[in-house]
Amino acid sequence: MMLRSLLFVITASIASLVAQTAPEKLTYFDETTMRHLTLEKADFGNTNVTVRFAGDPGSMGIWTGNGPRKDKSLTFARIAGEGEDRGTYFTAEISESKVVIGYREGQKQPQDAGINGLYKRASEAKLLQLYKKEFQAANDRLVASLKNATKTWAPADRPALLIWKDQWTALRQRWLDLAMPKAATVAEPKTESRFAPAKSAEPTAEHWLQMAQSTARAYYFIETMPDPKTGSGWDGEYDDLGGGHASLRLGKDGKLRVSLSSARKEGQDASQIDGTAPPEKVITSKSGEMTAEFTFSDGEATVKTKPATFKLTKIGRYLQIESQDATPYVGNGWYDGIYRGAPVPQG
């Protein structure tokens, strides 16, 4: 009797442990439509649902929703803002090997969001294969886009293209570090060893997905031409390949008023800097090169930090931003890079 009770306790403990270590995130794949489905545990018993649609390699076209899960059934709708109608509700029947999504019964004229269907469980090995292939396709497109840009970009803009190419590898790493921050490690004491150091772990499927998506940002940026109305002067609205924005206005007093923002990660507030380059720092050289410099410090900060310095260089219809000591003012984002110009909005 005691043995039976002991076995019951052990079995219950193992079941509890398995439940506690159940995967927080599961990925499924529809080979017919090339859609990816991710189910991820959220707060208060909810599950987040993300469907990534097929498109250009590295495409970030997604549908997101959430809802409560009970055993193997999930009822969910799109994520909406406060007071917004969430629209059609869906159900997901979940098993170890697949997920089937359909409309929740009893709705009048449910709207198709393009997410219904059968998704099969995708292993890490399968995802690794898919995402490495997708990154390669994205990289091939970027290479082709850069080659084409040497012919299609306006001659005055092409120096910006050369600078962008030189910065691309470091910029891609910034996007990768933002999406997959490295865990902090404790330095180990140095010890002599006759054995070679262990090899670093191979990149994961998530690594290749993020590489593909950052590369998609890149080729979209290269392929998108500035608005034909964009001038070669300072005034305008400028955007980089993802979340960086600059707004410039040159006043009659010769001062260049600058507003910079960096919103690199969804769900996080944008970092904002407003500054003014004095007239003596807004320069057009004899060769026609246009540069402007200004400094920025947060007078309201409780902990004083070194002022950040910014240098702006106008290159045709593009803008290059270089900064020093700006990290305390930009969080986990950045301001540096090449920005594509657009005219000042009318009205």
Protein backbone atom coordinates (compact mmCIF):
# COMPACT_ATOMS: atom_id res chain seq x y z
CA MET A 1 0.00 0.00 0.00
CA MET A 2 2.79 2.36 0.96
CA LEU A 3 4.66 1.47 -2.27
CA ARG A 4 1.54 2.25 -4.33
CA SER A 5 1.16 5.63 -2.59
CA LEU A 6 4.83 6.40 -3.16
CA LEU A 7 4.52 5.59 -6.87
CA PHE A 8 1.45 7.84 -7.09
CA VAL A 9 3.38 10.75 -5.54
CA ILE A 10 6.35 10.22 -7.87
CA THR A 11 4.08 10.04 -10.93
CA ALA A 12 2.24 13.19 -9.91
CA SER A 13 5.53 15.01 -9.32
CA ILE A 14 6.83 14.04 -12.75
CA ALA A 15 3.58 15.17 -14.39
CA SER A 16 3.79 18.49 -12.57
CA LEU A 17 7.40 18.94 -13.62
CA VAL A 18 6.55 18.21 -17.26
CA ALA A 19 3.72 20.73 -17.12
CA GLN A 20 6.02 23.37 -15.65
CA THR A 21 8.65 22.79 -18.34
CA ALA A 22 6.22 22.71 -21.26
CA PRO A 23 7.43 24.82 -24.17
CA GLU A 24 6.60 28.51 -23.87
CA LYS A 25 6.64 28.88 -27.64
CA LEU A 26 5.61 26.44 -30.36
CA THR A 27 5.94 26.92 -34.11
CA TYR A 28 3.90 25.29 -36.87
CA PHE A 29 4.15 25.48 -40.66
CA ASP A 30 1.72 25.23 -43.56
CA GLU A 31 3.69 23.86 -46.50
CA THR A 32 0.89 24.59 -48.98
CA THR A 33 0.70 28.33 -48.37
CA MET A 34 4.13 28.75 -46.70
CA ARG A 35 2.55 30.37 -43.62
CA HIS A 36 4.16 30.17 -40.19
CA LEU A 37 2.13 29.92 -36.98
CA THR A 38 3.51 30.64 -33.53
CA LEU A 39 1.71 29.97 -30.24
CA GLU A 40 3.31 31.62 -27.23
CA LYS A 41 2.22 31.64 -23.60
CA ALA A 42 1.14 35.03 -22.28
CA ASP A 43 -0.10 36.45 -18.98
CA PHE A 44 -3.35 35.51 -17.24
CA GLY A 45 -3.76 32.17 -19.03
CA ASN A 46 -3.79 33.71 -22.51
CA THR A 47 -1.91 32.54 -25.56
CA ASN A 48 -0.52 34.87 -28.20
CA VAL A 49 -1.08 33.81 -31.81
CA THR A 50 1.15 35.06 -34.63
CA VAL A 51 0.71 34.08 -38.27
CA ARG A 52 3.48 35.12 -40.62
CA PHE A 53 2.36 35.18 -44.22
CA ALA A 54 4.33 34.11 -47.26
CA GLY A 55 5.80 37.00 -49.22
CA ASP A 56 9.18 38.43 -50.10
CA PRO A 57 12.06 36.62 -48.37
CA GLY A 58 12.37 38.03 -44.87
CA SER A 59 8.90 39.57 -45.09
CA MET A 60 7.46 40.81 -41.81
CA GLY A 61 3.80 40.66 -42.85
CA ILE A 62 2.03 39.17 -39.83
CA TRP A 63 -1.35 38.82 -38.15
CA THR A 64 -1.41 38.85 -34.34
CA GLY A 65 -4.11 37.83 -31.90
CA ASN A 66 -4.61 36.29 -28.48
CA GLY A 67 -7.12 34.58 -26.27
CA PRO A 68 -7.65 32.02 -23.51
CA ARG A 69 -6.64 28.40 -23.98
CA LYS A 70 -8.40 25.50 -22.30
CA ASP A 71 -6.66 22.15 -22.69
CA LYS A 72 -6.28 21.68 -26.45
CA SER A 73 -8.69 24.40 -27.55
CA LEU A 74 -7.92 28.08 -28.03
CA THR A 75 -10.40 30.87 -28.76
CA PHE A 76 -8.86 34.10 -29.97
CA ALA A 77 -9.27 37.32 -31.97
CA ARG A 78 -6.93 39.96 -33.30
CA ILE A 79 -5.09 42.20 -30.85
CA ALA A 80 -6.79 45.60 -30.93
CA GLY A 81 -6.38 48.94 -29.22
CA GLU A 82 -8.47 49.96 -26.23
CA GLY A 83 -12.09 50.45 -27.29
CA GLU A 84 -11.54 48.88 -30.72
CA ASP A 85 -13.68 46.06 -32.04
CA ARG A 86 -11.64 42.87 -32.17
CA GLY A 87 -13.62 41.60 -35.13
CA THR A 88 -13.96 37.93 -36.00
CA TYR A 89 -13.21 35.26 -33.39
CA PHE A 90 -11.34 32.10 -34.30
CA THR A 91 -10.71 28.72 -32.70
CA ALA A 92 -7.59 26.60 -32.78
CA GLU A 93 -7.64 22.87 -32.10
CA ILE A 94 -4.17 21.96 -30.90
CA SER A 95 -2.44 18.59 -30.83
CA GLU A 96 1.18 17.49 -30.54
CA SER A 97 1.62 17.40 -34.31
CA LYS A 98 -0.74 20.01 -35.75
CA VAL A 99 -3.05 22.99 -35.26
CA VAL A 100 -6.31 23.56 -37.14
CA ILE A 101 -7.69 27.12 -37.20
CA GLY A 102 -11.28 27.96 -38.12
CA TYR A 103 -14.07 30.39 -37.30
CA ARG A 104 -15.76 30.24 -33.91
CA GLU A 105 -19.28 28.97 -34.34
CA GLY A 106 -22.30 31.25 -34.10
CA GLN A 107 -20.84 34.35 -35.77
CA LYS A 108 -22.62 36.26 -38.50
CA GLN A 109 -20.47 36.86 -41.58
CA PRO A 110 -17.03 36.15 -40.08
CA GLN A 111 -14.25 37.96 -41.92
CA ASP A 112 -11.43 35.94 -43.45
CA ALA A 113 -8.06 37.09 -42.06
CA GLY A 114 -6.08 34.62 -44.14
CA ILE A 115 -5.15 32.52 -41.13
CA ASN A 116 -7.57 29.56 -41.35
CA GLY A 117 -6.23 26.13 -42.19
CA LEU A 118 -3.98 23.28 -41.10
CA TYR A 119 -0.50 23.89 -39.69
CA LYS A 120 1.92 21.06 -38.89
CA ARG A 121 4.37 21.15 -36.01
CA ALA A 122 7.79 22.35 -37.19
CA SER A 123 10.87 20.99 -35.48
CA GLU A 124 13.96 23.11 -34.86
CA ALA A 125 15.72 21.22 -37.67
CA LYS A 126 12.87 22.01 -40.09
CA LEU A 127 12.82 25.68 -39.11
CA LEU A 128 16.59 25.85 -39.40
CA GLN A 129 16.35 24.55 -42.95
CA LEU A 130 13.52 26.95 -43.88
CA TYR A 131 15.03 30.09 -42.35
CA LYS A 132 18.55 29.51 -43.69
CA LYS A 133 17.06 29.14 -47.15
CA GLU A 134 14.96 32.28 -46.63
CA PHE A 135 18.00 34.28 -45.51
CA GLN A 136 19.93 33.17 -48.58
CA ALA A 137 17.07 34.27 -50.82
CA ALA A 138 16.89 37.63 -49.02
CA ASN A 139 20.64 38.11 -49.31
CA ASP A 140 20.58 37.26 -53.03
CA ARG A 141 17.90 39.88 -53.54
CA LEU A 142 19.93 42.47 -51.61
CA VAL A 143 22.99 41.77 -53.75
CA ALA A 144 20.90 42.19 -56.90
CA SER A 145 19.29 45.37 -55.54
CA LEU A 146 22.68 46.92 -54.73
CA LYS A 147 23.98 46.10 -58.21
CA ASN A 148 20.90 47.65 -59.79
CA ALA A 149 21.11 50.73 -57.53
CA THR A 150 24.49 51.69 -59.01
CA LYS A 151 22.53 52.39 -62.22
CA THR A 152 19.15 53.58 -60.94
CA TRP A 153 20.15 55.89 -58.07
CA ALA A 154 20.68 59.51 -59.11
CA PRO A 155 24.37 60.44 -59.48
CA ALA A 156 24.14 62.91 -56.58
CA ASP A 157 22.71 60.16 -54.33
CA ARG A 158 25.23 57.43 -55.11
CA PRO A 159 27.89 58.46 -52.56
CA ALA A 160 25.25 57.71 -49.89
CA LEU A 161 24.88 54.23 -51.37
CA LEU A 162 28.61 53.58 -51.00
CA ILE A 163 28.53 54.68 -47.35
CA TRP A 164 25.47 52.51 -46.70
CA LYS A 165 27.21 49.45 -48.18
CA ASP A 166 30.21 49.99 -45.91
CA GLN A 167 27.95 50.21 -42.86
CA TRP A 168 25.62 47.33 -43.70
CA THR A 169 27.38 44.44 -41.92
CA ALA A 170 27.57 46.36 -38.64
CA LEU A 171 23.99 47.58 -39.05
CA ARG A 172 22.70 44.05 -39.60
CA GLN A 173 24.47 42.97 -36.41
CA ARG A 174 22.74 45.79 -34.54
CA TRP A 175 19.36 44.50 -35.65
CA LEU A 176 20.34 40.96 -34.69
CA ASP A 177 21.53 42.02 -31.22
CA LEU A 178 18.29 43.96 -30.72
CA ALA A 179 16.12 40.94 -31.60
CA MET A 180 18.28 38.39 -29.77
CA PRO A 181 20.11 40.09 -26.88
CA LYS A 182 23.01 38.10 -25.55
CA ALA A 183 22.62 36.84 -22.00
CA ALA A 184 24.98 38.41 -19.51
CA THR A 185 27.78 36.06 -18.56
CA VAL A 186 29.95 35.94 -15.48
CA ALA A 187 33.66 35.97 -16.23
CA GLU A 188 35.28 32.69 -15.27
CA PRO A 189 38.71 32.63 -13.65
CA LYS A 190 41.50 31.85 -16.07
CA THR A 191 42.86 28.35 -15.73
CA GLU A 192 45.50 26.53 -17.69
CA SER A 193 44.12 23.74 -19.82
CA ARG A 194 45.59 21.28 -22.29
CA PHE A 195 42.25 21.08 -24.05
CA ALA A 196 41.08 23.34 -26.86
CA PRO A 197 38.19 25.68 -25.98
CA ALA A 198 34.73 24.40 -26.78
CA LYS A 199 33.29 25.49 -30.12
CA SER A 200 30.58 28.13 -29.99
CA ALA A 201 27.05 26.94 -30.53
CA GLU A 202 25.71 26.83 -34.08
CA PRO A 203 23.24 29.61 -35.00
CA THR A 204 19.62 28.73 -34.22
CA ALA A 205 16.62 28.89 -36.52
CA GLU A 206 15.60 32.16 -34.84
CA HIS A 207 19.02 33.60 -35.70
CA TRP A 208 18.50 32.91 -39.42
CA LEU A 209 14.96 34.30 -39.32
CA GLN A 210 16.20 37.56 -37.81
CA MET A 211 19.01 37.67 -40.39
CA ALA A 212 16.45 37.26 -43.17
CA GLN A 213 14.17 39.95 -41.77
CA SER A 214 16.94 42.51 -41.25
CA THR A 215 18.10 41.81 -44.81
CA ALA A 216 14.56 42.39 -46.09
CA ARG A 217 14.61 45.81 -44.40
CA ALA A 218 17.82 46.48 -46.31
CA TYR A 219 16.66 45.60 -49.81
CA TYR A 220 13.36 47.43 -49.32
CA PHE A 221 15.38 50.53 -48.38
CA ILE A 222 17.68 50.22 -51.39
CA GLU A 223 14.84 49.57 -53.84
CA THR A 224 12.63 52.46 -52.67
CA MET A 225 13.48 55.71 -54.41
CA PRO A 226 13.01 59.13 -52.78
CA ASP A 227 9.88 61.09 -53.65
CA PRO A 228 10.58 63.00 -56.91
CA LYS A 229 9.66 66.23 -55.09
CA THR A 230 12.49 65.75 -52.58
CA GLY A 231 14.98 68.60 -52.80
CA SER A 232 18.70 68.72 -52.20
CA GLY A 233 18.42 71.28 -49.37
CA TRP A 234 18.17 70.60 -45.65
CA ASP A 235 14.40 70.87 -45.21
CA GLY A 236 12.60 67.53 -45.24
CA GLU A 237 11.57 64.34 -43.52
CA TYR A 238 14.11 61.50 -43.51
CA ASP A 239 13.75 57.79 -42.73
CA ASP A 240 16.25 54.96 -42.50
CA LEU A 241 15.47 51.30 -43.09
CA GLY A 242 13.53 50.78 -39.88
CA GLY A 243 12.35 53.05 -37.09
CA GLY A 244 14.82 55.92 -37.47
CA HIS A 245 13.43 59.34 -38.42
CA ALA A 246 14.85 62.84 -38.77
CA SER A 247 12.94 66.06 -39.34
CA LEU A 248 15.00 69.07 -40.48
CA ARG A 249 14.04 72.73 -40.92
CA LEU A 250 16.45 75.53 -41.84
CA GLY A 251 15.26 78.87 -40.45
CA LYS A 252 15.75 82.35 -41.88
CA ASP A 253 18.08 82.96 -38.94
CA GLY A 254 20.46 80.33 -40.34
CA LYS A 255 19.75 77.84 -37.56
CA LEU A 256 19.01 74.23 -38.50
CA ARG A 257 16.35 72.77 -36.23
CA VAL A 258 16.64 69.01 -35.87
CA SER A 259 14.26 66.43 -34.42
CA LEU A 260 15.49 62.83 -34.25
CA SER A 261 13.58 59.73 -33.16
CA SER A 262 14.52 56.08 -32.88
CA ALA A 263 11.85 53.38 -32.46
CA ARG A 264 13.61 50.13 -33.22
CA LYS A 265 11.57 47.63 -31.22
CA GLU A 266 7.82 47.17 -31.30
CA GLY A 267 6.12 47.94 -28.01
CA GLN A 268 8.87 50.25 -26.77
CA ASP A 269 8.60 54.03 -26.69
CA ALA A 270 10.62 55.94 -29.25
CA SER A 271 13.70 57.85 -28.11
CA GLN A 272 13.47 61.52 -29.07
CA ILE A 273 16.08 64.26 -29.39
CA ASP A 274 15.41 67.86 -30.40
CA GLY A 275 18.39 70.09 -31.11
CA THR A 276 19.55 73.11 -33.06
CA ALA A 277 22.68 73.53 -35.11
CA PRO A 278 23.84 77.17 -34.82
CA PRO A 279 24.45 79.12 -38.06
CA GLU A 280 28.26 78.85 -37.74
CA LYS A 281 27.91 75.06 -37.66
CA VAL A 282 25.67 74.86 -40.75
CA ILE A 283 28.25 74.84 -43.50
CA THR A 284 28.35 74.47 -47.26
CA SER A 285 31.93 73.99 -48.45
CA LYS A 286 33.40 75.28 -51.71
CA SER A 287 32.96 71.77 -53.12
CA GLY A 288 29.25 71.91 -52.26
CA GLU A 289 29.36 69.53 -49.28
CA MET A 290 26.67 70.39 -46.72
CA THR A 291 27.29 69.59 -43.05
CA ALA A 292 25.77 70.63 -39.74
CA GLU A 293 26.75 69.91 -36.15
CA PHE A 294 25.02 70.29 -32.79
CA THR A 295 25.24 68.99 -29.23
CA PHE A 296 22.51 67.66 -27.00
CA SER A 297 22.22 67.15 -23.25
CA ASP A 298 19.23 66.41 -21.05
CA GLY A 299 18.98 69.26 -18.59
CA GLU A 300 16.27 67.48 -16.59
CA ALA A 301 18.25 64.26 -16.06
CA THR A 302 18.95 63.45 -12.42
CA VAL A 303 22.24 61.79 -13.38
CA LYS A 304 24.35 64.07 -15.52
CA THR A 305 25.92 62.51 -18.59
CA LYS A 306 28.33 63.77 -21.20
CA PRO A 307 26.57 65.78 -23.95
CA ALA A 308 26.04 63.92 -27.21
CA THR A 309 27.43 65.40 -30.42
CA PHE A 310 25.81 64.97 -33.82
CA LYS A 311 27.12 65.57 -37.32
CA LEU A 312 24.70 65.67 -40.26
CA THR A 313 25.90 65.42 -43.85
CA LYS A 314 23.57 66.03 -46.78
CA ILE A 315 24.31 63.69 -49.71
CA GLY A 316 22.00 64.41 -52.62
CA ARG A 317 18.51 63.58 -51.35
CA TYR A 318 19.91 61.44 -48.53
CA LEU A 319 21.18 62.30 -45.06
CA GLN A 320 24.02 60.75 -43.08
CA ILE A 321 23.86 60.99 -39.29
CA GLU A 322 26.92 60.38 -37.12
CA SER A 323 26.87 60.63 -33.35
CA GLN A 324 29.19 60.41 -30.36
CA ASP A 325 28.24 59.71 -26.74
CA ALA A 326 24.56 59.34 -27.72
CA THR A 327 23.95 55.95 -26.10
CA PRO A 328 22.45 57.34 -22.84
CA TYR A 329 19.85 59.21 -24.87
CA VAL A 330 18.75 56.48 -27.25
CA GLY A 331 18.18 53.39 -25.07
CA ASN A 332 18.66 50.22 -27.08
CA GLY A 333 18.28 52.04 -30.41
CA TRP A 334 20.59 54.25 -32.48
CA TYR A 335 20.56 57.38 -34.61
CA ASP A 336 23.56 56.76 -36.87
CA GLY A 337 23.12 55.75 -40.49
CA ILE A 338 21.87 56.76 -43.91
CA TYR A 339 18.35 58.22 -44.18
CA ARG A 340 16.24 58.62 -47.33
CA GLY A 341 14.75 62.08 -47.79
CA ALA A 342 11.15 63.13 -48.44
CA PRO A 343 9.67 66.62 -48.92
CA VAL A 344 8.14 68.65 -46.10
CA PRO A 345 4.44 67.74 -45.82
CA GLN A 346 2.10 70.37 -47.22
CA GLY A 347 -0.51 72.06 -45.06
